[in-house]
């Protein structure tokens, strides 16, 4: 019975550890998505600015 209790305790600790790892992974994924959005916005702005500069040069 004691051995079963120890195994159950270890199983709970493993589950808790896995749950924390999943939460960390989800947070990282969320921040990574935001980072990619910012990079995409910056690239878009850069291309718009370059296009405007080229238009001004032509005029």
PDB file of N, CA and C in Angstrom:
ATOM      1  N   UNK A   1       0.831  -1.195   0.000  1.00  0.00           N
ATOM      2  CA  UNK A   1       0.000   0.000   0.000  1.00  0.00           C
ATOM      3  C   UNK A   1       0.874   1.257   0.000  1.00  0.00           C
ATOM      4  N   UNK A   2       1.931   1.213   0.821  1.00  0.00           N
ATOM      5  CA  UNK A   2       2.840   2.361   0.884  1.00  0.00           C
ATOM      6  C   UNK A   2       3.519   2.578  -0.465  1.00  0.00           C
ATOM      7  N   UNK A   3       3.904   1.482  -1.107  1.00  0.00           N
ATOM      8  CA  UNK A   3       4.548   1.587  -2.416  1.00  0.00           C
ATOM      9  C   UNK A   3       3.595   2.202  -3.444  1.00  0.00           C
ATOM     10  N   UNK A   4       2.326   1.807  -3.385  1.00  0.00           N
ATOM     11  CA  UNK A   4       1.332   2.376  -4.305  1.00  0.00           C
ATOM     12  C   UNK A   4       1.182   3.874  -4.049  1.00  0.00           C
ATOM     13  N   UNK A   5       1.210   4.270  -2.778  1.00  0.00           N
ATOM     14  CA  UNK A   5       1.109   5.693  -2.434  1.00  0.00           C
ATOM     15  C   UNK A   5       2.302   6.478  -2.954  1.00  0.00           C
ATOM     16  N   UNK A   6       3.481   5.902  -2.840  1.00  0.00           N
ATOM     17  CA  UNK A   6       4.697   6.569  -3.334  1.00  0.00           C
ATOM     18  C   UNK A   6       4.635   6.697  -4.854  1.00  0.00           C
ATOM     19  N   UNK A   7       4.208   5.613  -5.529  1.00  0.00           N
ATOM     20  CA  UNK A   7       4.097   5.670  -6.994  1.00  0.00           C
ATOM     21  C   UNK A   7       3.079   6.723  -7.419  1.00  0.00           C
ATOM     22  N   UNK A   8       1.945   6.796  -6.685  1.00  0.00           N
ATOM     23  CA  UNK A   8       0.914   7.784  -7.012  1.00  0.00           C
ATOM     24  C   UNK A   8       1.456   9.200  -6.803  1.00  0.00           C
ATOM     25  N   UNK A   9       2.219   9.397  -5.733  1.00  0.00           N
ATOM     26  CA  UNK A   9       2.830  10.706  -5.474  1.00  0.00           C
ATOM     27  C   UNK A   9       3.802  11.092  -6.575  1.00  0.00           C
ATOM     28  N   UNK A  10       4.609  10.142  -7.009  1.00  0.00           N
ATOM     29  CA  UNK A  10       5.543  10.404  -8.114  1.00  0.00           C
ATOM     30  C   UNK A  10       4.794  10.718  -9.401  1.00  0.00           C
ATOM     31  N   UNK A  11       3.692   9.996  -9.631  1.00  0.00           N
ATOM     32  CA  UNK A  11       2.885  10.227 -10.827  1.00  0.00           C
ATOM     33  C   UNK A  11       2.301  11.638 -10.802  1.00  0.00           C
ATOM     34  N   UNK A  12       1.800  12.064  -9.613  1.00  0.00           N
ATOM     35  CA  UNK A  12       1.254  13.420  -9.487  1.00  0.00           C
ATOM     36  C   UNK A  12       2.336  14.468  -9.731  1.00  0.00           C
ATOM     37  N   UNK A  13       3.525  14.227  -9.187  1.00  0.00           N
ATOM     38  CA  UNK A  13       4.627  15.172  -9.388  1.00  0.00           C
ATOM     39  C   UNK A  13       4.995  15.257 -10.871  1.00  0.00           C
ATOM     40  N   UNK A  14       5.015  14.112 -11.552  1.00  0.00           N
ATOM     41  CA  UNK A  14       5.302  14.113 -12.995  1.00  0.00           C
ATOM     42  C   UNK A  14       4.238  14.883 -13.764  1.00  0.00           C
ATOM     43  N   UNK A  15       2.964  14.672 -13.395  1.00  0.00           N
ATOM     44  CA  UNK A  15       1.870  15.386 -14.068  1.00  0.00           C
ATOM     45  C   UNK A  15       2.011  16.886 -13.849  1.00  0.00           C
ATOM     46  N   UNK A  16       2.337  17.278 -12.619  1.00  0.00           N
ATOM     47  CA  UNK A  16       2.495  18.700 -12.307  1.00  0.00           C
ATOM     48  C   UNK A  16       3.647  19.295 -13.116  1.00  0.00           C
ATOM     49  N   UNK A  17       4.743  18.558 -13.209  1.00  0.00           N
ATOM     50  CA  UNK A  17       5.900  19.015 -13.973  1.00  0.00           C
ATOM     51  C   UNK A  17       5.553  19.179 -15.454  1.00  0.00           C
ATOM     52  N   UNK A  18       4.838  18.190 -15.989  1.00  0.00           N
ATOM     53  CA  UNK A  18       4.435  18.262 -17.401  1.00  0.00           C
ATOM     54  C   UNK A  18       3.503  19.440 -17.641  1.00  0.00           C
ATOM     55  N   UNK A  19       2.583  19.667 -16.690  1.00  0.00           N
ATOM     56  CA  UNK A  19       1.637  20.771 -16.834  1.00  0.00           C
ATOM     57  C   UNK A  19       2.383  22.105 -16.844  1.00  0.00           C
ATOM     58  N   UNK A  20       3.374  22.251 -15.974  1.00  0.00           N
ATOM     59  CA  UNK A  20       4.172  23.483 -15.955  1.00  0.00           C
ATOM     60  C   UNK A  20       4.929  23.645 -17.272  1.00  0.00           C
ATOM     61  N   UNK A  21       5.468  22.553 -17.798  1.00  0.00           N
ATOM     62  CA  UNK A  21       6.180  22.614 -19.081  1.00  0.00           C
ATOM     63  C   UNK A  21       5.247  23.045 -20.201  1.00  0.00           C
ATOM     64  N   UNK A  22       4.015  22.528 -20.188  1.00  0.00           N
ATOM     65  CA  UNK A  22       3.041  22.901 -21.218  1.00  0.00           C
ATOM     66  C   UNK A  22       2.709  24.377 -21.102  1.00  0.00           C
ATOM     67  N   UNK A  23       2.520  24.869 -19.865  1.00  0.00           N
ATOM     68  CA  UNK A  23       2.208  26.286 -19.676  1.00  0.00           C
ATOM     69  C   UNK A  23       3.349  27.168 -20.160  1.00  0.00           C
ATOM     70  N   UNK A  24       4.581  26.773 -19.865  1.00  0.00           N
ATOM     71  CA  UNK A  24       5.743  27.540 -20.326  1.00  0.00           C
ATOM     72  C   UNK A  24       5.790  27.536 -21.854  1.00  0.00           C
ATOM     73  N   UNK A  25       5.522  26.371 -22.450  1.00  0.00           N
ATOM     74  CA  UNK A  25       5.523  26.267 -23.910  1.00  0.00           C
ATOM     75  C   UNK A  25       4.442  27.155 -24.519  1.00  0.00           C
ATOM     76  N   UNK A  26       3.247  27.165 -23.913  1.00  0.00           N
ATOM     77  CA  UNK A  26       2.157  27.995 -24.432  1.00  0.00           C
ATOM     78  C   UNK A  26       2.490  29.477 -24.321  1.00  0.00           C
ATOM     79  N   UNK A  27       3.109  29.872 -23.193  1.00  0.00           N
ATOM     80  CA  UNK A  27       3.504  31.276 -23.041  1.00  0.00           C
ATOM     81  C   UNK A  27       4.536  31.644 -24.102  1.00  0.00           C
ATOM     82  N   UNK A  28       5.510  30.773 -24.300  1.00  0.00           N
ATOM     83  CA  UNK A  28       6.535  31.029 -25.313  1.00  0.00           C
ATOM     84  C   UNK A  28       5.893  31.157 -26.683  1.00  0.00           C
ATOM     85  N   UNK A  29       4.933  30.273 -26.983  1.00  0.00           N
ATOM     86  CA  UNK A  29       4.264  30.299 -28.285  1.00  0.00           C
ATOM     87  C   UNK A  29       3.523  31.624 -28.472  1.00  0.00           C
ATOM     88  N   UNK A  30       2.861  32.078 -27.401  1.00  0.00           N
ATOM     89  CA  UNK A  30       2.117  33.339 -27.479  1.00  0.00           C
ATOM     90  C   UNK A  30       3.066  34.504 -27.741  1.00  0.00           C
ATOM     91  N   UNK A  31       4.165  34.558 -26.987  1.00  0.00           N
ATOM     92  CA  UNK A  31       5.130  35.641 -27.177  1.00  0.00           C
ATOM     93  C   UNK A  31       5.787  35.561 -28.550  1.00  0.00           C
ATOM     94  N   UNK A  32       6.046  34.356 -29.014  1.00  0.00           N
ATOM     95  CA  UNK A  32       6.658  34.176 -30.330  1.00  0.00           C
ATOM     96  C   UNK A  32       5.718  34.663 -31.429  1.00  0.00           C
ATOM     97  N   UNK A  33       4.411  34.387 -31.279  1.00  0.00           N
ATOM     98  CA  UNK A  33       3.432  34.880 -32.254  1.00  0.00           C
ATOM     99  C   UNK A  33       3.428  36.404 -32.282  1.00  0.00           C
ATOM    100  N   UNK A  34       3.454  37.031 -31.098  1.00  0.00           N
ATOM    101  CA  UNK A  34       3.472  38.495 -31.039  1.00  0.00           C
ATOM    102  C   UNK A  34       4.741  39.036 -31.695  1.00  0.00           C
ATOM    103  N   UNK A  35       5.863  38.382 -31.445  1.00  0.00           N
ATOM    104  CA  UNK A  35       7.133  38.790 -32.042  1.00  0.00           C
ATOM    105  C   UNK A  35       7.056  38.720 -33.567  1.00  0.00           C
ATOM    106  N   UNK A  36       6.474  37.629 -34.083  1.00  0.00           N
ATOM    107  CA  UNK A  36       6.343  37.487 -35.534  1.00  0.00           C
ATOM    108  C   UNK A  36       5.431  38.563 -36.118  1.00  0.00           C
ATOM    109  N   UNK A  37       4.363  38.908 -35.397  1.00  0.00           N
ATOM    110  CA  UNK A  37       3.470  39.973 -35.869  1.00  0.00           C
ATOM    111  C   UNK A  37       4.216  41.297 -35.960  1.00  0.00           C
ATOM    112  N   UNK A  38       5.019  41.596 -34.944  1.00  0.00           N
ATOM    113  CA  UNK A  38       5.779  42.850 -34.939  1.00  0.00           C
ATOM    114  C   UNK A  38       6.770  42.873 -36.096  1.00  0.00           C
ATOM    115  N   UNK A  39       7.465  41.757 -36.314  1.00  0.00           N
ATOM    116  CA  UNK A  39       8.420  41.677 -37.425  1.00  0.00           C
ATOM    117  C   UNK A  39       7.704  41.883 -38.758  1.00  0.00           C
ATOM    118  N   UNK A  40       6.543  41.256 -38.917  1.00  0.00           N
ATOM    119  CA  UNK A  40       5.773  41.401 -40.155  1.00  0.00           C
ATOM    120  C   UNK A  40       5.349  42.853 -40.366  1.00  0.00           C
ATOM    121  N   UNK A  41       4.906  43.510 -39.305  1.00  0.00           N
ATOM    122  CA  UNK A  41       4.515  44.923 -39.403  1.00  0.00           C
ATOM    123  C   UNK A  41       5.714  45.780 -39.795  1.00  0.00           C
ATOM    124  N   UNK A  42       6.863  45.528 -39.186  1.00  0.00           N
ATOM    125  CA  UNK A  42       8.061  46.310 -39.509  1.00  0.00           C
ATOM    126  C   UNK A  42       8.481  46.115 -40.964  1.00  0.00           C
ATOM    127  N   UNK A  43       8.418  44.882 -41.439  1.00  0.00           N
ATOM    128  CA  UNK A  43       8.783  44.615 -42.836  1.00  0.00           C
ATOM    129  C   UNK A  43       7.814  45.326 -43.777  1.00  0.00           C
ATOM    130  N   UNK A  44       6.527  45.288 -43.437  1.00  0.00           N
ATOM    131  CA  UNK A  44       5.523  45.962 -44.263  1.00  0.00           C
ATOM    132  C   UNK A  44       5.764  47.468 -44.282  1.00  0.00           C
ATOM    133  N   UNK A  45       6.017  48.041 -43.110  1.00  0.00           N
ATOM    134  CA  UNK A  45       6.283  49.479 -43.041  1.00  0.00           C
ATOM    135  C   UNK A  45       7.526  49.847 -43.841  1.00  0.00           C
ATOM    136  N   UNK A  46       8.542  49.016 -43.746  1.00  0.00           N
ATOM    137  CA  UNK A  46       9.779  49.275 -44.483  1.00  0.00           C
ATOM    138  C   UNK A  46       9.513  49.300 -45.986  1.00  0.00           C
ATOM    139  N   UNK A  47       8.743  48.321 -46.457  1.00  0.00           N
ATOM    140  CA  UNK A  47       8.462  48.275 -47.899  1.00  0.00           C
ATOM    141  C   UNK A  47       7.599  49.459 -48.327  1.00  0.00           C
ATOM    142  N   UNK A  48       6.670  49.886 -47.486  1.00  0.00           N
ATOM    143  CA  UNK A  48       5.847  51.057 -47.811  1.00  0.00           C
ATOM    144  C   UNK A  48       6.714  52.305 -47.887  1.00  0.00           C
ATOM    145  N   UNK A  49       7.620  52.456 -46.935  1.00  0.00           N
ATOM    146  CA  UNK A  49       8.503  53.631 -46.926  1.00  0.00           C
ATOM    147  C   UNK A  49       9.403  53.634 -48.160  1.00  0.00           C
ATOM    148  N   UNK A  50       9.945  52.482 -48.511  1.00  0.00           N
ATOM    149  CA  UNK A  50      10.803  52.392 -49.702  1.00  0.00           C
ATOM    150  C   UNK A  50      10.005  52.750 -50.957  1.00  0.00           C
ATOM    151  N   UNK A  51       8.775  52.265 -51.034  1.00  0.00           N
ATOM    152  CA  UNK A  51       7.922  52.591 -52.183  1.00  0.00           C
ATOM    153  C   UNK A  51       7.651  54.089 -52.247  1.00  0.00           C
ATOM    154  N   UNK A  52       7.359  54.702 -51.120  1.00  0.00           N
ATOM    155  CA  UNK A  52       7.106  56.147 -51.092  1.00  0.00           C
ATOM    156  C   UNK A  52       8.342  56.937 -51.509  1.00  0.00           C
ATOM    157  N   UNK A  53       9.496  56.517 -51.039  1.00  0.00           N
ATOM    158  CA  UNK A  53      10.743  57.201 -51.411  1.00  0.00           C
ATOM    159  C   UNK A  53      10.966  57.099 -52.919  1.00  0.00           C
ATOM    160  N   UNK A  54      10.723  55.922 -53.480  1.00  0.00           N
ATOM    161  CA  UNK A  54      10.883  55.744 -54.930  1.00  0.00           C
ATOM    162  C   UNK A  54       9.887  56.596 -55.710  1.00  0.00           C
ATOM    163  N   UNK A  55       8.677  56.716 -55.207  1.00  0.00           N
ATOM    164  CA  UNK A  55       7.680  57.563 -55.865  1.00  0.00           C
ATOM    165  C   UNK A  55       8.101  59.030 -55.836  1.00  0.00           C
ATOM    166  N   UNK A  56       8.643  59.451 -54.707  1.00  0.00           N
ATOM    167  CA  UNK A  56       9.096  60.843 -54.585  1.00  0.00           C
ATOM    168  C   UNK A  56      10.254  61.098 -55.550  1.00  0.00           C
ATOM    169  N   UNK A  57      11.147  60.123 -55.689  1.00  0.00           N
ATOM    170  CA  UNK A  57      12.278  60.272 -56.620  1.00  0.00           C
ATOM    171  C   UNK A  57      11.793  60.412 -58.057  1.00  0.00           C
ATOM    172  N   UNK A  58      10.766  59.656 -58.404  1.00  0.00           N
ATOM    173  CA  UNK A  58      10.236  59.695 -59.766  1.00  0.00           C
ATOM    174  C   UNK A  58       9.594  61.054 -60.037  1.00  0.00           C
ATOM    175  N   UNK A  59       8.905  61.595 -59.065  1.00  0.00           N
ATOM    176  CA  UNK A  59       8.251  62.896 -59.249  1.00  0.00           C
ATOM    177  C   UNK A  59       9.302  63.968 -59.228  1.00  0.00           C
TER     178      UNK A  59
END
